[in-house]
Amino acid sequence: MAETVVADEQEFKHLTVTPLAGALGAEIGGVDIAAGVDEETLAEIHRAWLSHHVIYFRDQNMTPEQHIEFAKRFGDIHPHLFNKALDGYPEIIEMLKTPAESINNGDVWHSDQMYTPKPAKGTMLYGREIPPYGGDTIFVNLYLAYDSLSDGLKKTLAGLKGVNDGDTKNNTSGMSRMERVTSGVAPLAQINPGNAQTVSVHPLVRTHPETGRKALYLGYHTDQIEGWSNEESKPLLDYLKVHARRPEFTCRVNWSKDMLTFWDNRCTQHFAVNDYTGFQRRIHKIMIQGDTPF
């Protein structure tokens, strides 16, 4: 696949794009999402997203309906298979951490919904209540993680696939989602996914369908390499997971109230920092349907 050419900063006419870090991330200015976004501006936002992989818009005063409407401009909504939706808004997950709670959601390195057959291509988070400090989200550029591998390891990974489990016990508690709910350590209400597929096999190196670039594709939910035993899989997966989050591949997004952050799950991982105990944080999350990784 030919690589898509992404616009340089000077080509943006309807918005400003201020890079956050050398690896990825940019702040978008000059856009009022609630007031409506025309097609030319939307196209520039899309180009900025492909170029910087995670973008954010500060001071966006949006209703849940406007949040949903904006997300749908990028594709169909991808419902979460385990997290309970916000009452009245099946498209939105409310991630609430109260001052009394010590456990947060998302403090593992992951790409959203990679255990589904067609993982979410993008995620939009909107900050409704933000602590006075802490609660940042760290992102990594998985293009860079792949590019920096040796040619020998790239050859080894070619054709290998990861087994991704949405209910993995590969976490600090060693428990499934429902076991965490029962024991009182689950940060969010959970639902039964029913007959939905919650274990999916995807390439460890995926090709981005819009840019043509290759990226490492693994995270917290990647338990095993297809066709390998757990004992054989663990050393290589552990190495790749640590390698992928090297500091030079990262950026750190500092939240503010009414800020919208939009990232590309096809070439990033993220980690929610839990350093704001005693404060409330309330975030609304919408995911956008992707396609089958290849």
C-alpha atoms as a PDB file:
ATOM      1  CA  MET A   1       0.000   0.000   0.000  1.00  0.00           C
ATOM      2  CA  ALA A   2       1.317   3.447  -0.912  1.00  0.00           C
ATOM      3  CA  GLU A   3       1.862   5.721   2.071  1.00  0.00           C
ATOM      4  CA  THR A   4      -0.554   8.610   2.399  1.00  0.00           C
ATOM      5  CA  VAL A   5       1.151  11.999   2.382  1.00  0.00           C
ATOM      6  CA  VAL A   6       0.073  13.944   5.473  1.00  0.00           C
ATOM      7  CA  ALA A   7      -0.107  17.726   5.264  1.00  0.00           C
ATOM      8  CA  ASP A   8       2.640  19.853   6.798  1.00  0.00           C
ATOM      9  CA  GLU A   9       1.738  22.385   9.467  1.00  0.00           C
ATOM     10  CA  GLN A  10       1.763  25.335   7.041  1.00  0.00           C
ATOM     11  CA  GLU A  11      -0.967  23.687   4.965  1.00  0.00           C
ATOM     12  CA  PHE A  12      -3.587  24.080   7.704  1.00  0.00           C
ATOM     13  CA  LYS A  13      -5.832  27.036   6.863  1.00  0.00           C
ATOM     14  CA  HIS A  14      -8.780  26.564   9.233  1.00  0.00           C
ATOM     15  CA  LEU A  15      -7.017  25.628  12.492  1.00  0.00           C
ATOM     16  CA  THR A  16      -3.724  25.861  14.334  1.00  0.00           C
ATOM     17  CA  VAL A  17      -1.625  22.788  15.130  1.00  0.00           C
ATOM     18  CA  THR A  18       0.928  23.046  17.940  1.00  0.00           C
ATOM     19  CA  PRO A  19       3.047  19.903  18.438  1.00  0.00           C
ATOM     20  CA  LEU A  20       3.249  18.610  22.005  1.00  0.00           C
ATOM     21  CA  ALA A  21       6.350  16.400  21.730  1.00  0.00           C
ATOM     22  CA  GLY A  22       8.762  15.105  19.122  1.00  0.00           C
ATOM     23  CA  ALA A  23       7.205  11.648  19.091  1.00  0.00           C
ATOM     24  CA  LEU A  24       3.499  12.469  18.825  1.00  0.00           C
ATOM     25  CA  GLY A  25       0.735  14.730  20.063  1.00  0.00           C
ATOM     26  CA  ALA A  26      -0.557  18.184  19.092  1.00  0.00           C
ATOM     27  CA  GLU A  27      -2.934  20.827  20.395  1.00  0.00           C
ATOM     28  CA  ILE A  28      -5.567  22.011  17.910  1.00  0.00           C
ATOM     29  CA  GLY A  29      -6.714  25.616  18.094  1.00  0.00           C
ATOM     30  CA  GLY A  30      -9.238  27.762  16.270  1.00  0.00           C
ATOM     31  CA  VAL A  31     -12.043  25.184  16.376  1.00  0.00           C
ATOM     32  CA  ASP A  32     -15.364  25.430  18.242  1.00  0.00           C
ATOM     33  CA  ILE A  33     -16.807  21.935  17.975  1.00  0.00           C
ATOM     34  CA  ALA A  34     -20.153  22.822  19.534  1.00  0.00           C
ATOM     35  CA  ALA A  35     -20.696  25.561  16.946  1.00  0.00           C
ATOM     36  CA  GLY A  36     -20.290  23.041  14.131  1.00  0.00           C
ATOM     37  CA  VAL A  37     -17.350  21.960  12.015  1.00  0.00           C
ATOM     38  CA  ASP A  38     -17.529  22.362   8.244  1.00  0.00           C
ATOM     39  CA  GLU A  39     -16.150  19.748   5.852  1.00  0.00           C
ATOM     40  CA  GLU A  40     -12.916  21.624   5.046  1.00  0.00           C
ATOM     41  CA  THR A  41     -12.089  22.049   8.730  1.00  0.00           C
ATOM     42  CA  LEU A  42     -13.012  18.431   9.413  1.00  0.00           C
ATOM     43  CA  ALA A  43     -10.618  17.306   6.669  1.00  0.00           C
ATOM     44  CA  GLU A  44      -7.817  19.329   8.262  1.00  0.00           C
ATOM     45  CA  ILE A  45      -8.565  17.839  11.692  1.00  0.00           C
ATOM     46  CA  HIS A  46      -8.363  14.383  10.120  1.00  0.00           C
ATOM     47  CA  ARG A  47      -4.989  15.188   8.540  1.00  0.00           C
ATOM     48  CA  ALA A  48      -3.669  16.533  11.838  1.00  0.00           C
ATOM     49  CA  TRP A  49      -4.865  13.363  13.573  1.00  0.00           C
ATOM     50  CA  LEU A  50      -3.066  11.129  11.080  1.00  0.00           C
ATOM     51  CA  SER A  51       0.079  13.238  11.330  1.00  0.00           C
ATOM     52  CA  HIS A  52       0.262  13.575  15.138  1.00  0.00           C
ATOM     53  CA  HIS A  53      -1.696  10.451  16.207  1.00  0.00           C
ATOM     54  CA  VAL A  54      -3.165  12.136  19.301  1.00  0.00           C
ATOM     55  CA  ILE A  55      -4.710  15.598  19.149  1.00  0.00           C
ATOM     56  CA  TYR A  56      -6.592  17.660  21.721  1.00  0.00           C
ATOM     57  CA  PHE A  57      -8.879  20.677  21.774  1.00  0.00           C
ATOM     58  CA  ARG A  58      -9.114  22.841  24.904  1.00  0.00           C
ATOM     59  CA  ASP A  59     -12.131  24.862  26.074  1.00  0.00           C
ATOM     60  CA  GLN A  60     -14.814  22.957  24.181  1.00  0.00           C
ATOM     61  CA  ASN A  61     -18.192  23.493  25.852  1.00  0.00           C
ATOM     62  CA  MET A  62     -20.072  20.442  24.552  1.00  0.00           C
ATOM     63  CA  THR A  63     -23.221  18.557  25.451  1.00  0.00           C
ATOM     64  CA  PRO A  64     -23.203  14.743  25.258  1.00  0.00           C
ATOM     65  CA  GLU A  65     -25.238  15.055  22.047  1.00  0.00           C
ATOM     66  CA  GLN A  66     -22.609  17.301  20.465  1.00  0.00           C
ATOM     67  CA  HIS A  67     -19.847  14.947  21.571  1.00  0.00           C
ATOM     68  CA  ILE A  68     -21.649  12.040  19.896  1.00  0.00           C
ATOM     69  CA  GLU A  69     -22.369  14.048  16.741  1.00  0.00           C
ATOM     70  CA  PHE A  70     -18.703  15.042  16.354  1.00  0.00           C
ATOM     71  CA  ALA A  71     -17.494  11.474  16.905  1.00  0.00           C
ATOM     72  CA  LYS A  72     -19.872  10.188  14.233  1.00  0.00           C
ATOM     73  CA  ARG A  73     -18.221  12.476  11.686  1.00  0.00           C
ATOM     74  CA  PHE A  74     -15.294  10.027  11.797  1.00  0.00           C
ATOM     75  CA  GLY A  75     -17.256   6.773  11.628  1.00  0.00           C
ATOM     76  CA  ASP A  76     -19.751   4.540  13.369  1.00  0.00           C
ATOM     77  CA  ILE A  77     -19.654   4.316  17.165  1.00  0.00           C
ATOM     78  CA  HIS A  78     -17.858   1.307  18.641  1.00  0.00           C
ATOM     79  CA  PRO A  79     -19.660   0.227  21.850  1.00  0.00           C
ATOM     80  CA  HIS A  80     -17.592  -1.072  24.751  1.00  0.00           C
ATOM     81  CA  LEU A  81     -18.189  -4.784  25.297  1.00  0.00           C
ATOM     82  CA  PHE A  82     -17.620  -4.731  29.063  1.00  0.00           C
ATOM     83  CA  ASN A  83     -17.987  -1.220  30.470  1.00  0.00           C
ATOM     84  CA  LYS A  84     -21.532  -0.084  31.248  1.00  0.00           C
ATOM     85  CA  ALA A  85     -22.706   2.877  29.159  1.00  0.00           C
ATOM     86  CA  LEU A  86     -23.896   6.184  30.589  1.00  0.00           C
ATOM     87  CA  ASP A  87     -27.630   6.193  31.319  1.00  0.00           C
ATOM     88  CA  GLY A  88     -29.476   7.606  28.318  1.00  0.00           C
ATOM     89  CA  TYR A  89     -26.367   7.621  26.124  1.00  0.00           C
ATOM     90  CA  PRO A  90     -25.396   4.129  24.906  1.00  0.00           C
ATOM     91  CA  GLU A  91     -22.533   5.652  22.883  1.00  0.00           C
ATOM     92  CA  ILE A  92     -20.773   7.106  25.950  1.00  0.00           C
ATOM     93  CA  ILE A  93     -18.830   5.506  28.783  1.00  0.00           C
ATOM     94  CA  GLU A  94     -18.508   7.694  31.866  1.00  0.00           C
ATOM     95  CA  MET A  95     -15.205   7.123  33.615  1.00  0.00           C
ATOM     96  CA  LEU A  96     -15.709   8.504  37.111  1.00  0.00           C
ATOM     97  CA  LYS A  97     -13.209   8.344  39.949  1.00  0.00           C
ATOM     98  CA  THR A  98     -14.531   9.875  43.170  1.00  0.00           C
ATOM     99  CA  PRO A  99     -12.359  11.415  45.914  1.00  0.00           C
ATOM    100  CA  ALA A 100     -12.932   8.329  48.073  1.00  0.00           C
ATOM    101  CA  GLU A 101     -11.686   5.869  45.436  1.00  0.00           C
ATOM    102  CA  SER A 102      -8.047   4.894  45.075  1.00  0.00           C
ATOM    103  CA  ILE A 103      -8.324   2.793  41.882  1.00  0.00           C
ATOM    104  CA  ASN A 104      -8.686   4.367  38.457  1.00  0.00           C
ATOM    105  CA  ASN A 105      -9.514   3.003  35.003  1.00  0.00           C
ATOM    106  CA  GLY A 106      -6.923   2.586  32.268  1.00  0.00           C
ATOM    107  CA  ASP A 107      -3.692   2.434  34.282  1.00  0.00           C
ATOM    108  CA  VAL A 108      -2.282  -0.270  32.004  1.00  0.00           C
ATOM    109  CA  TRP A 109      -0.619   0.196  28.614  1.00  0.00           C
ATOM    110  CA  HIS A 110      -3.228  -0.637  25.982  1.00  0.00           C
ATOM    111  CA  SER A 111      -4.937   0.164  22.694  1.00  0.00           C
ATOM    112  CA  ASP A 112      -8.712   0.289  22.964  1.00  0.00           C
ATOM    113  CA  GLN A 113     -10.778  -2.789  22.106  1.00  0.00           C
ATOM    114  CA  MET A 114      -7.978  -4.707  20.405  1.00  0.00           C
ATOM    115  CA  TYR A 115      -9.626  -7.911  21.628  1.00  0.00           C
ATOM    116  CA  THR A 116     -12.521  -7.367  19.187  1.00  0.00           C
ATOM    117  CA  PRO A 117     -12.460  -8.505  15.534  1.00  0.00           C
ATOM    118  CA  LYS A 118     -12.553  -4.890  14.342  1.00  0.00           C
ATOM    119  CA  PRO A 119     -10.938  -2.796  17.095  1.00  0.00           C
ATOM    120  CA  ALA A 120     -11.856   0.843  17.632  1.00  0.00           C
ATOM    121  CA  LYS A 121      -9.789   2.979  15.267  1.00  0.00           C
ATOM    122  CA  GLY A 122     -10.170   6.100  17.368  1.00  0.00           C
ATOM    123  CA  THR A 123     -11.160   7.227  20.848  1.00  0.00           C
ATOM    124  CA  MET A 124     -12.518  10.613  21.940  1.00  0.00           C
ATOM    125  CA  LEU A 125     -12.338  11.551  25.622  1.00  0.00           C
ATOM    126  CA  TYR A 126     -14.014  14.689  26.956  1.00  0.00           C
ATOM    127  CA  GLY A 127     -13.033  16.088  30.348  1.00  0.00           C
ATOM    128  CA  ARG A 128     -16.109  17.087  32.374  1.00  0.00           C
ATOM    129  CA  GLU A 129     -14.443  17.236  35.805  1.00  0.00           C
ATOM    130  CA  ILE A 130     -10.676  17.400  36.123  1.00  0.00           C
ATOM    131  CA  PRO A 131      -8.575  17.326  39.322  1.00  0.00           C
ATOM    132  CA  PRO A 132      -6.451  20.409  40.104  1.00  0.00           C
ATOM    133  CA  TYR A 133      -3.348  18.380  39.298  1.00  0.00           C
ATOM    134  CA  GLY A 134      -2.547  14.832  38.177  1.00  0.00           C
ATOM    135  CA  GLY A 135      -4.597  12.537  36.005  1.00  0.00           C
ATOM    136  CA  ASP A 136      -2.490  12.935  32.852  1.00  0.00           C
ATOM    137  CA  THR A 137      -2.637  10.418  30.012  1.00  0.00           C
ATOM    138  CA  ILE A 138       0.618   9.134  28.511  1.00  0.00           C
ATOM    139  CA  PHE A 139       0.681   8.037  24.865  1.00  0.00           C
ATOM    140  CA  VAL A 140       3.273   6.134  22.842  1.00  0.00           C
ATOM    141  CA  ASN A 141       3.962   6.164  19.114  1.00  0.00           C
ATOM    142  CA  LEU A 142       3.903   2.552  17.918  1.00  0.00           C
ATOM    143  CA  TYR A 143       5.244   3.523  14.487  1.00  0.00           C
ATOM    144  CA  LEU A 144       8.469   4.611  16.184  1.00  0.00           C
ATOM    145  CA  ALA A 145       8.458   1.498  18.357  1.00  0.00           C
ATOM    146  CA  TYR A 146       8.420  -0.642  15.211  1.00  0.00           C
ATOM    147  CA  ASP A 147      10.848   1.486  13.195  1.00  0.00           C
ATOM    148  CA  SER A 148      13.488   1.282  15.944  1.00  0.00           C
ATOM    149  CA  LEU A 149      13.558  -2.531  16.008  1.00  0.00           C
ATOM    150  CA  SER A 150      16.475  -4.368  14.404  1.00  0.00           C
ATOM    151  CA  ASP A 151      15.980  -5.810  10.932  1.00  0.00           C
ATOM    152  CA  GLY A 152      16.352  -9.276  12.431  1.00  0.00           C
ATOM    153  CA  LEU A 153      13.548  -8.776  14.945  1.00  0.00           C
ATOM    154  CA  LYS A 154      11.337  -7.232  12.266  1.00  0.00           C
ATOM    155  CA  LYS A 155      11.789 -10.406  10.210  1.00  0.00           C
ATOM    156  CA  THR A 156      10.971 -12.539  13.262  1.00  0.00           C
ATOM    157  CA  LEU A 157       7.761 -10.607  13.905  1.00  0.00           C
ATOM    158  CA  ALA A 158       6.574 -10.731  10.298  1.00  0.00           C
ATOM    159  CA  GLY A 159       3.632 -13.125  10.207  1.00  0.00           C
ATOM    160  CA  LEU A 160       3.351 -13.491  13.994  1.00  0.00           C
ATOM    161  CA  LYS A 161      -0.023 -12.783  15.571  1.00  0.00           C
ATOM    162  CA  GLY A 162      -1.014 -11.875  19.098  1.00  0.00           C
ATOM    163  CA  VAL A 163      -3.932 -13.401  21.007  1.00  0.00           C
ATOM    164  CA  ASN A 164      -5.806 -10.536  22.672  1.00  0.00           C
ATOM    165  CA  ASP A 165      -8.207 -11.305  25.530  1.00  0.00           C
ATOM    166  CA  GLY A 166     -10.738  -8.718  26.702  1.00  0.00           C
ATOM    167  CA  ASP A 167     -11.082 -10.463  30.046  1.00  0.00           C
ATOM    168  CA  THR A 168      -7.425 -11.178  30.633  1.00  0.00           C
ATOM    169  CA  LYS A 169      -6.209 -11.872  34.159  1.00  0.00           C
ATOM    170  CA  ASN A 170      -2.853 -10.422  33.178  1.00  0.00           C
ATOM    171  CA  ASN A 171      -3.184  -7.508  35.599  1.00  0.00           C
ATOM    172  CA  THR A 172      -1.968  -6.556  39.046  1.00  0.00           C
ATOM    173  CA  SER A 173      -5.036  -8.120  40.710  1.00  0.00           C
ATOM    174  CA  GLY A 174      -4.805 -11.395  38.770  1.00  0.00           C
ATOM    175  CA  MET A 175      -8.609 -11.373  38.481  1.00  0.00           C
ATOM    176  CA  SER A 176     -11.151 -11.252  35.658  1.00  0.00           C
ATOM    177  CA  ARG A 177     -13.422  -8.234  35.242  1.00  0.00           C
ATOM    178  CA  MET A 178     -16.357  -9.781  37.105  1.00  0.00           C
ATOM    179  CA  GLU A 179     -14.059 -11.071  39.844  1.00  0.00           C
ATOM    180  CA  ARG A 180     -12.837  -7.495  40.313  1.00  0.00           C
ATOM    181  CA  VAL A 181     -16.456  -6.273  40.477  1.00  0.00           C
ATOM    182  CA  THR A 182     -17.346  -8.909  43.085  1.00  0.00           C
ATOM    183  CA  SER A 183     -14.293  -8.081  45.174  1.00  0.00           C
ATOM    184  CA  GLY A 184     -15.003  -4.356  44.981  1.00  0.00           C
ATOM    185  CA  VAL A 185     -11.840  -3.324  43.126  1.00  0.00           C
ATOM    186  CA  ALA A 186     -13.367  -2.612  39.691  1.00  0.00           C
ATOM    187  CA  PRO A 187     -13.278   1.124  38.891  1.00  0.00           C
ATOM    188  CA  LEU A 188     -16.232   0.952  36.472  1.00  0.00           C
ATOM    189  CA  ALA A 189     -19.544  -0.907  36.350  1.00  0.00           C
ATOM    190  CA  GLN A 190     -19.309  -3.914  34.037  1.00  0.00           C
ATOM    191  CA  ILE A 191     -21.816  -5.670  31.773  1.00  0.00           C
ATOM    192  CA  ASN A 192     -22.026  -9.164  30.348  1.00  0.00           C
ATOM    193  CA  PRO A 193     -20.815  -9.068  26.706  1.00  0.00           C
ATOM    194  CA  GLY A 194     -23.157 -11.923  25.822  1.00  0.00           C
ATOM    195  CA  ASN A 195     -22.179 -13.704  22.603  1.00  0.00           C
ATOM    196  CA  ALA A 196     -19.847 -10.946  21.418  1.00  0.00           C
ATOM    197  CA  GLN A 197     -16.333 -12.052  20.480  1.00  0.00           C
ATOM    198  CA  THR A 198     -13.946 -10.956  23.226  1.00  0.00           C
ATOM    199  CA  VAL A 199     -10.792 -12.844  22.204  1.00  0.00           C
ATOM    200  CA  SER A 200      -9.275 -11.892  18.846  1.00  0.00           C
ATOM    201  CA  VAL A 201      -6.061 -12.669  17.004  1.00  0.00           C
ATOM    202  CA  HIS A 202      -4.306  -9.774  15.239  1.00  0.00           C
ATOM    203  CA  PRO A 203      -0.851  -9.220  13.683  1.00  0.00           C
ATOM    204  CA  LEU A 204       1.855  -8.119  16.097  1.00  0.00           C
ATOM    205  CA  VAL A 205       2.871  -5.704  13.350  1.00  0.00           C
ATOM    206  CA  ARG A 206      -0.107  -4.047  11.696  1.00  0.00           C
ATOM    207  CA  THR A 207      -0.255  -1.833   8.637  1.00  0.00           C
ATOM    208  CA  HIS A 208      -2.168   1.397   9.122  1.00  0.00           C
ATOM    209  CA  PRO A 209      -4.968   1.385   6.530  1.00  0.00           C
ATOM    210  CA  GLU A 210      -4.740   5.150   5.897  1.00  0.00           C
ATOM    211  CA  THR A 211      -1.010   5.882   6.038  1.00  0.00           C
ATOM    212  CA  GLY A 212       0.440   2.546   4.944  1.00  0.00           C
ATOM    213  CA  ARG A 213       2.982   2.661   7.790  1.00  0.00           C
ATOM    214  CA  LYS A 214       3.795  -0.345   9.957  1.00  0.00           C
ATOM    215  CA  ALA A 215       3.358  -0.216  13.728  1.00  0.00           C
ATOM    216  CA  LEU A 216       3.780  -2.600  16.622  1.00  0.00           C
ATOM    217  CA  TYR A 217       0.334  -3.750  17.709  1.00  0.00           C
ATOM    218  CA  LEU A 218       0.189  -5.186  21.192  1.00  0.00           C
ATOM    219  CA  GLY A 219      -0.690  -4.142  24.708  1.00  0.00           C
ATOM    220  CA  TYR A 220      -2.092  -5.180  28.060  1.00  0.00           C
ATOM    221  CA  HIS A 221      -4.649  -7.524  26.462  1.00  0.00           C
ATOM    222  CA  THR A 222      -2.041  -9.402  24.379  1.00  0.00           C
ATOM    223  CA  ASP A 223      -1.602 -12.610  26.359  1.00  0.00           C
ATOM    224  CA  GLN A 224       0.107 -14.936  23.924  1.00  0.00           C
ATOM    225  CA  ILE A 225       1.557 -15.380  20.432  1.00  0.00           C
ATOM    226  CA  GLU A 226      -0.683 -17.519  18.254  1.00  0.00           C
ATOM    227  CA  GLY A 227       0.704 -21.038  17.998  1.00  0.00           C
ATOM    228  CA  TRP A 228       3.227 -20.510  20.814  1.00  0.00           C
ATOM    229  CA  SER A 229       2.953 -21.659  24.406  1.00  0.00           C
ATOM    230  CA  ASN A 230       2.599 -19.131  27.206  1.00  0.00           C
ATOM    231  CA  GLU A 231       6.159 -19.891  28.299  1.00  0.00           C
ATOM    232  CA  GLU A 232       7.478 -19.291  24.783  1.00  0.00           C
ATOM    233  CA  SER A 233       5.392 -16.157  24.259  1.00  0.00           C
ATOM    234  CA  LYS A 234       6.136 -14.335  27.485  1.00  0.00           C
ATOM    235  CA  PRO A 235       9.805 -13.335  26.961  1.00  0.00           C
ATOM    236  CA  LEU A 236       9.210 -11.834  23.515  1.00  0.00           C
ATOM    237  CA  LEU A 237       5.934 -10.113  24.456  1.00  0.00           C
ATOM    238  CA  ASP A 238       7.455  -8.726  27.646  1.00  0.00           C
ATOM    239  CA  TYR A 239      10.391  -7.320  25.677  1.00  0.00           C
ATOM    240  CA  LEU A 240       8.148  -5.704  23.062  1.00  0.00           C
ATOM    241  CA  LYS A 241       5.788  -4.216  25.649  1.00  0.00           C
ATOM    242  CA  VAL A 242       8.673  -2.589  27.530  1.00  0.00           C
ATOM    243  CA  HIS A 243      10.367  -1.473  24.304  1.00  0.00           C
ATOM    244  CA  ALA A 244       7.158   0.149  23.022  1.00  0.00           C
ATOM    245  CA  ARG A 245       6.981   2.593  25.936  1.00  0.00           C
ATOM    246  CA  ARG A 246      10.502   3.972  25.775  1.00  0.00           C
ATOM    247  CA  PRO A 247      10.438   7.646  26.859  1.00  0.00           C
ATOM    248  CA  GLU A 248      11.460   8.972  23.458  1.00  0.00           C
ATOM    249  CA  PHE A 249       8.327   7.410  21.926  1.00  0.00           C
ATOM    250  CA  THR A 250       5.947   9.171  24.343  1.00  0.00           C
ATOM    251  CA  CYS A 251       3.999  12.333  25.001  1.00  0.00           C
ATOM    252  CA  ARG A 252       2.047  13.292  28.109  1.00  0.00           C
ATOM    253  CA  VAL A 253      -1.334  15.009  27.771  1.00  0.00           C
ATOM    254  CA  ASN A 254      -2.238  17.312  30.646  1.00  0.00           C
ATOM    255  CA  TRP A 255      -6.006  17.559  30.978  1.00  0.00           C
ATOM    256  CA  SER A 256      -8.159  20.616  31.609  1.00  0.00           C
ATOM    257  CA  LYS A 257     -11.898  20.966  32.023  1.00  0.00           C
ATOM    258  CA  ASP A 258     -13.882  20.890  28.744  1.00  0.00           C
ATOM    259  CA  MET A 259     -10.941  19.441  26.823  1.00  0.00           C
ATOM    260  CA  LEU A 260     -11.456  16.846  24.085  1.00  0.00           C
ATOM    261  CA  THR A 261      -8.653  14.414  23.248  1.00  0.00           C
ATOM    262  CA  PHE A 262      -8.812  12.252  20.116  1.00  0.00           C
ATOM    263  CA  TRP A 263      -6.290   9.497  19.414  1.00  0.00           C
ATOM    264  CA  ASP A 264      -5.580   6.828  16.824  1.00  0.00           C
ATOM    265  CA  ASN A 265      -5.613   3.351  18.381  1.00  0.00           C
ATOM    266  CA  ARG A 266      -4.052   1.836  15.245  1.00  0.00           C
ATOM    267  CA  CYS A 267      -0.641   3.343  15.991  1.00  0.00           C
ATOM    268  CA  THR A 268      -0.673   4.293  19.692  1.00  0.00           C
ATOM    269  CA  GLN A 269      -0.967   2.914  23.191  1.00  0.00           C
ATOM    270  CA  HIS A 270      -1.996   4.927  26.227  1.00  0.00           C
ATOM    271  CA  PHE A 271      -1.806   4.815  30.018  1.00  0.00           C
ATOM    272  CA  ALA A 272      -3.961   6.749  32.518  1.00  0.00           C
ATOM    273  CA  VAL A 273      -1.809   7.994  35.397  1.00  0.00           C
ATOM    274  CA  ASN A 274      -3.366   7.432  38.819  1.00  0.00           C
ATOM    275  CA  ASP A 275      -1.883  10.263  40.880  1.00  0.00           C
ATOM    276  CA  TYR A 276      -4.902  12.271  42.026  1.00  0.00           C
ATOM    277  CA  THR A 277      -6.337  10.376  44.997  1.00  0.00           C
ATOM    278  CA  GLY A 278      -8.640  12.649  46.979  1.00  0.00           C
ATOM    279  CA  PHE A 279      -9.932  14.473  43.908  1.00  0.00           C
ATOM    280  CA  GLN A 280     -12.770  13.734  41.489  1.00  0.00           C
ATOM    281  CA  ARG A 281     -12.203  13.073  37.795  1.00  0.00           C
ATOM    282  CA  ARG A 282     -15.084  12.541  35.352  1.00  0.00           C
ATOM    283  CA  ILE A 283     -14.383  11.779  31.697  1.00  0.00           C
ATOM    284  CA  HIS A 284     -16.760  10.880  28.866  1.00  0.00           C
ATOM    285  CA  LYS A 285     -15.460   8.334  26.365  1.00  0.00           C
ATOM    286  CA  ILE A 286     -16.633   7.517  22.835  1.00  0.00           C
ATOM    287  CA  MET A 287     -14.919   5.027  20.540  1.00  0.00           C
ATOM    288  CA  ILE A 288     -15.102   4.888  16.729  1.00  0.00           C
ATOM    289  CA  GLN A 289     -15.382   1.645  14.794  1.00  0.00           C
ATOM    290  CA  GLY A 290     -12.321   0.478  12.872  1.00  0.00           C
ATOM    291  CA  ASP A 291     -11.590  -2.407  10.544  1.00  0.00           C
ATOM    292  CA  THR A 292      -9.818  -5.746  10.681  1.00  0.00           C
ATOM    293  CA  PRO A 293      -6.072  -5.272  11.337  1.00  0.00           C
ATOM    294  CA  PHE A 294      -3.715  -6.571   8.648  1.00  0.00           C
END
